[in-house]
Structures are given as C-alpha cells and as structure tokens.
Amino acid sequence: MKAVLERAIEEYNWYRVLDAFASLFSLEGEEVTVLFERSFRSTCGFYDYIDDFELILEDLGINVQLLSVEETGWGAIVRFAVKIH
C-alpha cells in the first residue's frame, strides 16, 4: 500500500505544485496521515485540495474515508482510513 500512496502523492504534487504540496506523514495499518502544505490559492476551496487527493487515490484503486482534518497555520494534517480494492 505504501508504494501506491507514494505514487498518489507524487501525482498530486505534480499537478498541485504551485498551490499545495502533500507528503506522507504516517502509515499505520489501514490508516494514513498526509501533510498538506503551501498557499492553497483562493481559486479553490480549502477542502477541494483534499478532495483532489482522494480522487487520485480512488483512481489508483484505494478506497478512502476522511477521518479528520487538523488545520494549521501552514496547511493541514489529514487522516484517512484506506483500503485497497
């Protein structure tokens, strides 16, 4: 699962490099924590950036459920429950 998550993060960062940057913070069992950083341009809503990441995961065969979003001064710490189908 880690390899697929890293691929999703790489793809996300490729498309969102000017707006947001994701990095894998932790992977424990079927729970993943991702750090989102950067400016989060006002052209999209804050949660749209998280939704975009979820869509990439789903395209790669990972079902996700958003567990929590902790907004910080520089971005967010986001926890997901994940399952590969």
PDB file of N, CA and C in Angstrom:
ATOM      1  N   MET A   1       0.828  -1.194   0.000  1.00  0.00           N
ATOM      2  CA  MET A   1       0.000   0.000   0.000  1.00  0.00           C
ATOM      3  C   MET A   1       0.871   1.257   0.000  1.00  0.00           C
ATOM      4  N   LYS A   2       2.017   1.199   0.669  1.00  0.00           N
ATOM      5  CA  LYS A   2       2.866   2.382   0.747  1.00  0.00           C
ATOM      6  C   LYS A   2       3.302   2.860  -0.639  1.00  0.00           C
ATOM      7  N   ALA A   3       3.637   1.925  -1.513  1.00  0.00           N
ATOM      8  CA  ALA A   3       4.076   2.306  -2.861  1.00  0.00           C
ATOM      9  C   ALA A   3       2.963   3.021  -3.621  1.00  0.00           C
ATOM     10  N   VAL A   4       1.729   2.556  -3.474  1.00  0.00           N
ATOM     11  CA  VAL A   4       0.596   3.195  -4.154  1.00  0.00           C
ATOM     12  C   VAL A   4       0.346   4.578  -3.561  1.00  0.00           C
ATOM     13  N   LEU A   5       0.453   4.711  -2.252  1.00  0.00           N
ATOM     14  CA  LEU A   5       0.279   6.022  -1.614  1.00  0.00           C
ATOM     15  C   LEU A   5       1.348   7.000  -2.077  1.00  0.00           C
ATOM     16  N   GLU A   6       2.582   6.527  -2.157  1.00  0.00           N
ATOM     17  CA  GLU A   6       3.660   7.405  -2.631  1.00  0.00           C
ATOM     18  C   GLU A   6       3.433   7.823  -4.077  1.00  0.00           C
ATOM     19  N   ARG A   7       2.918   6.907  -4.894  1.00  0.00           N
ATOM     20  CA  ARG A   7       2.595   7.257  -6.291  1.00  0.00           C
ATOM     21  C   ARG A   7       1.497   8.310  -6.334  1.00  0.00           C
ATOM     22  N   ALA A   8       0.470   8.158  -5.496  1.00  0.00           N
ATOM     23  CA  ALA A   8      -0.623   9.135  -5.448  1.00  0.00           C
ATOM     24  C   ALA A   8      -0.097  10.503  -5.023  1.00  0.00           C
ATOM     25  N   ILE A   9       0.772  10.536  -4.048  1.00  0.00           N
ATOM     26  CA  ILE A   9       1.340  11.801  -3.574  1.00  0.00           C
ATOM     27  C   ILE A   9       2.190  12.442  -4.668  1.00  0.00           C
ATOM     28  N   GLU A  10       2.969  11.624  -5.364  1.00  0.00           N
ATOM     29  CA  GLU A  10       3.796  12.152  -6.461  1.00  0.00           C
ATOM     30  C   GLU A  10       2.914  12.766  -7.548  1.00  0.00           C
ATOM     31  N   GLU A  11       1.846  12.076  -7.917  1.00  0.00           N
ATOM     32  CA  GLU A  11       0.935  12.590  -8.944  1.00  0.00           C
ATOM     33  C   GLU A  11       0.247  13.873  -8.467  1.00  0.00           C
ATOM     34  N   TYR A  12      -0.219  13.863  -7.226  1.00  0.00           N
ATOM     35  CA  TYR A  12      -0.873  15.040  -6.659  1.00  0.00           C
ATOM     36  C   TYR A  12       0.072  16.242  -6.705  1.00  0.00           C
ATOM     37  N   ASN A  13       1.292  16.047  -6.246  1.00  0.00           N
ATOM     38  CA  ASN A  13       2.255  17.148  -6.209  1.00  0.00           C
ATOM     39  C   ASN A  13       2.613  17.643  -7.605  1.00  0.00           C
ATOM     40  N   TRP A  14       2.617  16.757  -8.585  1.00  0.00           N
ATOM     41  CA  TRP A  14       2.897  17.148  -9.967  1.00  0.00           C
ATOM     42  C   TRP A  14       1.881  18.185 -10.454  1.00  0.00           C
ATOM     43  N   TYR A  15       0.604  17.927 -10.156  1.00  0.00           N
ATOM     44  CA  TYR A  15      -0.464  18.811 -10.627  1.00  0.00           C
ATOM     45  C   TYR A  15      -0.694  20.009  -9.720  1.00  0.00           C
ATOM     46  N   ARG A  16      -0.375  19.915  -8.467  1.00  0.00           N
ATOM     47  CA  ARG A  16      -0.701  20.963  -7.495  1.00  0.00           C
ATOM     48  C   ARG A  16       0.511  21.719  -6.963  1.00  0.00           C
ATOM     49  N   VAL A  17       1.654  21.563  -7.564  1.00  0.00           N
ATOM     50  CA  VAL A  17       2.909  22.100  -7.036  1.00  0.00           C
ATOM     51  C   VAL A  17       2.840  23.590  -6.684  1.00  0.00           C
ATOM     52  N   LEU A  18       2.141  24.381  -7.429  1.00  0.00           N
ATOM     53  CA  LEU A  18       2.073  25.817  -7.138  1.00  0.00           C
ATOM     54  C   LEU A  18       1.068  26.148  -6.038  1.00  0.00           C
ATOM     55  N   ASP A  19       0.134  25.247  -5.787  1.00  0.00           N
ATOM     56  CA  ASP A  19      -0.939  25.509  -4.834  1.00  0.00           C
ATOM     57  C   ASP A  19      -0.776  24.771  -3.513  1.00  0.00           C
ATOM     58  N   ALA A  20      -0.367  23.530  -3.606  1.00  0.00           N
ATOM     59  CA  ALA A  20      -0.308  22.688  -2.409  1.00  0.00           C
ATOM     60  C   ALA A  20       0.758  21.621  -2.607  1.00  0.00           C
ATOM     61  N   PHE A  21       1.232  21.081  -1.498  1.00  0.00           N
ATOM     62  CA  PHE A  21       2.237  20.022  -1.523  1.00  0.00           C
ATOM     63  C   PHE A  21       1.848  18.997  -0.473  1.00  0.00           C
ATOM     64  N   ALA A  22       1.755  17.736  -0.872  1.00  0.00           N
ATOM     65  CA  ALA A  22       1.386  16.661   0.049  1.00  0.00           C
ATOM     66  C   ALA A  22       2.618  15.819   0.368  1.00  0.00           C
ATOM     67  N   SER A  23       2.672  15.309   1.586  1.00  0.00           N
ATOM     68  CA  SER A  23       3.720  14.371   1.960  1.00  0.00           C
ATOM     69  C   SER A  23       3.151  13.355   2.943  1.00  0.00           C
ATOM     70  N   LEU A  24       3.660  12.139   2.843  1.00  0.00           N
ATOM     71  CA  LEU A  24       3.205  11.065   3.715  1.00  0.00           C
ATOM     72  C   LEU A  24       3.800  11.270   5.098  1.00  0.00           C
ATOM     73  N   PHE A  25       2.943  11.377   6.093  1.00  0.00           N
ATOM     74  CA  PHE A  25       3.404  11.562   7.466  1.00  0.00           C
ATOM     75  C   PHE A  25       3.489  10.225   8.179  1.00  0.00           C
ATOM     76  N   SER A  26       2.430   9.411   8.052  1.00  0.00           N
ATOM     77  CA  SER A  26       2.476   8.092   8.678  1.00  0.00           C
ATOM     78  C   SER A  26       1.514   7.139   7.983  1.00  0.00           C
ATOM     79  N   LEU A  27       1.841   5.864   8.103  1.00  0.00           N
ATOM     80  CA  LEU A  27       1.000   4.785   7.607  1.00  0.00           C
ATOM     81  C   LEU A  27       1.002   3.712   8.684  1.00  0.00           C
ATOM     82  N   GLU A  28      -0.141   3.530   9.306  1.00  0.00           N
ATOM     83  CA  GLU A  28      -0.268   2.552  10.375  1.00  0.00           C
ATOM     84  C   GLU A  28      -1.488   1.688  10.099  1.00  0.00           C
ATOM     85  N   GLY A  29      -1.245   0.454   9.716  1.00  0.00           N
ATOM     86  CA  GLY A  29      -2.344  -0.440   9.384  1.00  0.00           C
ATOM     87  C   GLY A  29      -3.124   0.106   8.199  1.00  0.00           C
ATOM     88  N   GLU A  30      -4.397   0.335   8.417  1.00  0.00           N
ATOM     89  CA  GLU A  30      -5.258   0.869   7.353  1.00  0.00           C
ATOM     90  C   GLU A  30      -5.578   2.342   7.569  1.00  0.00           C
ATOM     91  N   GLU A  31      -4.668   3.052   8.213  1.00  0.00           N
ATOM     92  CA  GLU A  31      -4.834   4.493   8.425  1.00  0.00           C
ATOM     93  C   GLU A  31      -3.591   5.221   7.942  1.00  0.00           C
ATOM     94  N   VAL A  32      -3.823   6.269   7.160  1.00  0.00           N
ATOM     95  CA  VAL A  32      -2.716   7.064   6.634  1.00  0.00           C
ATOM     96  C   VAL A  32      -2.918   8.517   7.030  1.00  0.00           C
ATOM     97  N   THR A  33      -1.809   9.176   7.344  1.00  0.00           N
ATOM     98  CA  THR A  33      -1.831  10.605   7.657  1.00  0.00           C
ATOM     99  C   THR A  33      -0.973  11.321   6.631  1.00  0.00           C
ATOM    100  N   VAL A  34      -1.558  12.361   6.017  1.00  0.00           N
ATOM    101  CA  VAL A  34      -0.879  13.127   4.974  1.00  0.00           C
ATOM    102  C   VAL A  34      -0.809  14.585   5.404  1.00  0.00           C
ATOM    103  N   LEU A  35       0.352  15.188   5.199  1.00  0.00           N
ATOM    104  CA  LEU A  35       0.527  16.618   5.464  1.00  0.00           C
ATOM    105  C   LEU A  35       0.294  17.368   4.163  1.00  0.00           C
ATOM    106  N   PHE A  36      -0.518  18.397   4.215  1.00  0.00           N
ATOM    107  CA  PHE A  36      -0.750  19.279   3.073  1.00  0.00           C
ATOM    108  C   PHE A  36      -0.205  20.644   3.453  1.00  0.00           C
ATOM    109  N   GLU A  37       0.665  21.192   2.599  1.00  0.00           N
ATOM    110  CA  GLU A  37       1.289  22.486   2.872  1.00  0.00           C
ATOM    111  C   GLU A  37       1.167  23.410   1.667  1.00  0.00           C
ATOM    112  N   ARG A  38       1.471  24.692   1.887  1.00  0.00           N
ATOM    113  CA  ARG A  38       1.563  25.747   0.883  1.00  0.00           C
ATOM    114  C   ARG A  38       0.436  26.748   0.963  1.00  0.00           C
ATOM    115  N   SER A  39       0.220  27.442  -0.142  1.00  0.00           N
ATOM    116  CA  SER A  39      -0.651  28.622  -0.141  1.00  0.00           C
ATOM    117  C   SER A  39      -2.140  28.312  -0.214  1.00  0.00           C
ATOM    118  N   PHE A  40      -2.533  27.215  -0.840  1.00  0.00           N
ATOM    119  CA  PHE A  40      -3.943  26.897  -1.049  1.00  0.00           C
ATOM    120  C   PHE A  40      -4.653  28.112  -1.650  1.00  0.00           C
ATOM    121  N   ARG A  41      -4.380  28.357  -2.907  1.00  0.00           N
ATOM    122  CA  ARG A  41      -4.935  29.520  -3.608  1.00  0.00           C
ATOM    123  C   ARG A  41      -6.432  29.655  -3.390  1.00  0.00           C
ATOM    124  N   SER A  42      -6.890  30.857  -3.437  1.00  0.00           N
ATOM    125  CA  SER A  42      -8.310  31.123  -3.182  1.00  0.00           C
ATOM    126  C   SER A  42      -9.215  30.716  -4.337  1.00  0.00           C
ATOM    127  N   THR A  43      -8.628  30.264  -5.455  1.00  0.00           N
ATOM    128  CA  THR A  43      -9.461  29.832  -6.577  1.00  0.00           C
ATOM    129  C   THR A  43     -10.198  28.536  -6.266  1.00  0.00           C
ATOM    130  N   CYS A  44      -9.720  27.784  -5.308  1.00  0.00           N
ATOM    131  CA  CYS A  44     -10.375  26.548  -4.877  1.00  0.00           C
ATOM    132  C   CYS A  44     -10.654  26.658  -3.382  1.00  0.00           C
ATOM    133  N   GLY A  45     -11.660  25.960  -2.937  1.00  0.00           N
ATOM    134  CA  GLY A  45     -11.898  25.889  -1.505  1.00  0.00           C
ATOM    135  C   GLY A  45     -10.839  25.013  -0.861  1.00  0.00           C
ATOM    136  N   PHE A  46     -10.562  25.250   0.390  1.00  0.00           N
ATOM    137  CA  PHE A  46      -9.534  24.511   1.122  1.00  0.00           C
ATOM    138  C   PHE A  46      -9.740  23.000   0.999  1.00  0.00           C
ATOM    139  N   TYR A  47     -10.969  22.549   1.192  1.00  0.00           N
ATOM    140  CA  TYR A  47     -11.241  21.109   1.153  1.00  0.00           C
ATOM    141  C   TYR A  47     -11.206  20.541  -0.256  1.00  0.00           C
ATOM    142  N   ASP A  48     -11.260  21.382  -1.275  1.00  0.00           N
ATOM    143  CA  ASP A  48     -11.124  20.897  -2.648  1.00  0.00           C
ATOM    144  C   ASP A  48      -9.755  20.257  -2.875  1.00  0.00           C
ATOM    145  N   TYR A  49      -8.729  20.777  -2.215  1.00  0.00           N
ATOM    146  CA  TYR A  49      -7.393  20.200  -2.345  1.00  0.00           C
ATOM    147  C   TYR A  49      -7.350  18.795  -1.762  1.00  0.00           C
ATOM    148  N   ILE A  50      -8.043  18.586  -0.673  1.00  0.00           N
ATOM    149  CA  ILE A  50      -8.118  17.262  -0.060  1.00  0.00           C
ATOM    150  C   ILE A  50      -8.951  16.333  -0.940  1.00  0.00           C
ATOM    151  N   ASP A  51     -10.062  16.836  -1.460  1.00  0.00           N
ATOM    152  CA  ASP A  51     -10.903  16.036  -2.363  1.00  0.00           C
ATOM    153  C   ASP A  51     -10.113  15.578  -3.586  1.00  0.00           C
ATOM    154  N   ASP A  52      -9.282  16.451  -4.134  1.00  0.00           N
ATOM    155  CA  ASP A  52      -8.464  16.092  -5.296  1.00  0.00           C
ATOM    156  C   ASP A  52      -7.544  14.916  -4.975  1.00  0.00           C
ATOM    157  N   PHE A  53      -6.974  14.920  -3.786  1.00  0.00           N
ATOM    158  CA  PHE A  53      -6.096  13.831  -3.378  1.00  0.00           C
ATOM    159  C   PHE A  53      -6.893  12.527  -3.242  1.00  0.00           C
ATOM    160  N   GLU A  54      -8.082  12.612  -2.676  1.00  0.00           N
ATOM    161  CA  GLU A  54      -8.942  11.429  -2.555  1.00  0.00           C
ATOM    162  C   GLU A  54      -9.271  10.844  -3.927  1.00  0.00           C
ATOM    163  N   LEU A  55      -9.532  11.690  -4.900  1.00  0.00           N
ATOM    164  CA  LEU A  55      -9.840  11.218  -6.250  1.00  0.00           C
ATOM    165  C   LEU A  55      -8.650  10.489  -6.881  1.00  0.00           C
ATOM    166  N   ILE A  56      -7.460  10.994  -6.663  1.00  0.00           N
ATOM    167  CA  ILE A  56      -6.263  10.320  -7.183  1.00  0.00           C
ATOM    168  C   ILE A  56      -6.116   8.953  -6.537  1.00  0.00           C
ATOM    169  N   LEU A  57      -6.321   8.875  -5.223  1.00  0.00           N
ATOM    170  CA  LEU A  57      -6.243   7.584  -4.541  1.00  0.00           C
ATOM    171  C   LEU A  57      -7.258   6.599  -5.116  1.00  0.00           C
ATOM    172  N   GLU A  58      -8.476   7.066  -5.323  1.00  0.00           N
ATOM    173  CA  GLU A  58      -9.520   6.199  -5.862  1.00  0.00           C
ATOM    174  C   GLU A  58      -9.169   5.727  -7.270  1.00  0.00           C
ATOM    175  N   ASP A  59      -8.578   6.592  -8.089  1.00  0.00           N
ATOM    176  CA  ASP A  59      -8.144   6.200  -9.436  1.00  0.00           C
ATOM    177  C   ASP A  59      -7.072   5.109  -9.382  1.00  0.00           C
ATOM    178  N   LEU A  60      -6.310   5.069  -8.294  1.00  0.00           N
ATOM    179  CA  LEU A  60      -5.254   4.078  -8.130  1.00  0.00           C
ATOM    180  C   LEU A  60      -5.735   2.838  -7.365  1.00  0.00           C
ATOM    181  N   GLY A  61      -7.037   2.760  -7.116  1.00  0.00           N
ATOM    182  CA  GLY A  61      -7.599   1.562  -6.501  1.00  0.00           C
ATOM    183  C   GLY A  61      -7.646   1.554  -4.990  1.00  0.00           C
ATOM    184  N   ILE A  62      -7.555   2.728  -4.369  1.00  0.00           N
ATOM    185  CA  ILE A  62      -7.615   2.811  -2.914  1.00  0.00           C
ATOM    186  C   ILE A  62      -8.898   3.529  -2.511  1.00  0.00           C
ATOM    187  N   ASN A  63      -9.742   2.830  -1.758  1.00  0.00           N
ATOM    188  CA  ASN A  63     -10.937   3.459  -1.191  1.00  0.00           C
ATOM    189  C   ASN A  63     -10.515   4.225   0.053  1.00  0.00           C
ATOM    190  N   VAL A  64     -11.028   5.431   0.201  1.00  0.00           N
ATOM    191  CA  VAL A  64     -10.650   6.245   1.354  1.00  0.00           C
ATOM    192  C   VAL A  64     -11.875   6.776   2.065  1.00  0.00           C
ATOM    193  N   GLN A  65     -11.688   7.003   3.353  1.00  0.00           N
ATOM    194  CA  GLN A  65     -12.688   7.676   4.167  1.00  0.00           C
ATOM    195  C   GLN A  65     -11.952   8.722   4.990  1.00  0.00           C
ATOM    196  N   LEU A  66     -12.360   9.956   4.866  1.00  0.00           N
ATOM    197  CA  LEU A  66     -11.746  11.040   5.614  1.00  0.00           C
ATOM    198  C   LEU A  66     -12.081  10.873   7.096  1.00  0.00           C
ATOM    199  N   LEU A  67     -11.055  10.839   7.942  1.00  0.00           N
ATOM    200  CA  LEU A  67     -11.256  10.681   9.380  1.00  0.00           C
ATOM    201  C   LEU A  67     -11.172  12.002  10.121  1.00  0.00           C
ATOM    202  N   SER A  68     -10.161  12.816   9.756  1.00  0.00           N
ATOM    203  CA  SER A  68     -10.018  14.101  10.445  1.00  0.00           C
ATOM    204  C   SER A  68      -9.153  15.046   9.639  1.00  0.00           C
ATOM    205  N   VAL A  69      -9.389  16.332   9.861  1.00  0.00           N
ATOM    206  CA  VAL A  69      -8.587  17.397   9.259  1.00  0.00           C
ATOM    207  C   VAL A  69      -8.219  18.353  10.378  1.00  0.00           C
ATOM    208  N   GLU A  70      -6.928  18.498  10.604  1.00  0.00           N
ATOM    209  CA  GLU A  70      -6.433  19.452  11.603  1.00  0.00           C
ATOM    210  C   GLU A  70      -5.762  20.590  10.844  1.00  0.00           C
ATOM    211  N   GLU A  71      -6.439  21.712  10.760  1.00  0.00           N
ATOM    212  CA  GLU A  71      -5.884  22.852  10.051  1.00  0.00           C
ATOM    213  C   GLU A  71      -4.763  23.472  10.888  1.00  0.00           C
ATOM    214  N   THR A  72      -3.697  23.879  10.203  1.00  0.00           N
ATOM    215  CA  THR A  72      -2.557  24.511  10.863  1.00  0.00           C
ATOM    216  C   THR A  72      -2.297  25.849  10.164  1.00  0.00           C
ATOM    217  N   GLY A  73      -1.367  26.596  10.658  1.00  0.00           N
ATOM    218  CA  GLY A  73      -1.023  27.873  10.038  1.00  0.00           C
ATOM    219  C   GLY A  73      -0.385  27.716   8.670  1.00  0.00           C
ATOM    220  N   TRP A  74       0.140  26.544   8.368  1.00  0.00           N
ATOM    221  CA  TRP A  74       0.838  26.295   7.111  1.00  0.00           C
ATOM    222  C   TRP A  74       0.134  25.289   6.211  1.00  0.00           C
ATOM    223  N   GLY A  75      -1.022  24.773   6.650  1.00  0.00           N
ATOM    224  CA  GLY A  75      -1.732  23.791   5.832  1.00  0.00           C
ATOM    225  C   GLY A  75      -2.651  22.934   6.672  1.00  0.00           C
ATOM    226  N   ALA A  76      -2.485  21.607   6.572  1.00  0.00           N
ATOM    227  CA  ALA A  76      -3.357  20.704   7.317  1.00  0.00           C
ATOM    228  C   ALA A  76      -2.705  19.340   7.488  1.00  0.00           C
ATOM    229  N   ILE A  77      -3.094  18.680   8.564  1.00  0.00           N
ATOM    230  CA  ILE A  77      -2.738  17.289   8.814  1.00  0.00           C
ATOM    231  C   ILE A  77      -4.031  16.514   8.635  1.00  0.00           C
ATOM    232  N   VAL A  78      -4.037  15.598   7.667  1.00  0.00           N
ATOM    233  CA  VAL A  78      -5.275  14.915   7.289  1.00  0.00           C
ATOM    234  C   VAL A  78      -5.120  13.410   7.486  1.00  0.00           C
ATOM    235  N   ARG A  79      -6.079  12.820   8.187  1.00  0.00           N
ATOM    236  CA  ARG A  79      -6.078  11.373   8.426  1.00  0.00           C
ATOM    237  C   ARG A  79      -7.172  10.707   7.586  1.00  0.00           C
ATOM    238  N   PHE A  80      -6.801   9.585   6.957  1.00  0.00           N
ATOM    239  CA  PHE A  80      -7.719   8.805   6.135  1.00  0.00           C
ATOM    240  C   PHE A  80      -7.701   7.352   6.590  1.00  0.00           C
ATOM    241  N   ALA A  81      -8.848   6.688   6.492  1.00  0.00           N
ATOM    242  CA  ALA A  81      -8.903   5.229   6.552  1.00  0.00           C
ATOM    243  C   ALA A  81      -8.812   4.779   5.099  1.00  0.00           C
ATOM    244  N   VAL A  82      -7.969   3.779   4.827  1.00  0.00           N
ATOM    245  CA  VAL A  82      -7.749   3.355   3.449  1.00  0.00           C
ATOM    246  C   VAL A  82      -7.907   1.841   3.308  1.00  0.00           C
ATOM    247  N   LYS A  83      -8.384   1.438   2.135  1.00  0.00           N
ATOM    248  CA  LYS A  83      -8.472   0.025   1.775  1.00  0.00           C
ATOM    249  C   LYS A  83      -8.211  -0.090   0.279  1.00  0.00           C
ATOM    250  N   ILE A  84      -7.370  -1.045  -0.066  1.00  0.00           N
ATOM    251  CA  ILE A  84      -7.129  -1.310  -1.478  1.00  0.00           C
ATOM    252  C   ILE A  84      -8.189  -2.272  -1.965  1.00  0.00           C
ATOM    253  N   HIS A  85      -8.800  -1.950  -3.109  1.00  0.00           N
ATOM    254  CA  HIS A  85      -9.779  -2.891  -3.669  1.00  0.00           C
ATOM    255  C   HIS A  85      -9.236  -3.567  -4.894  1.00  0.00           C
TER     256      HIS A  85
END
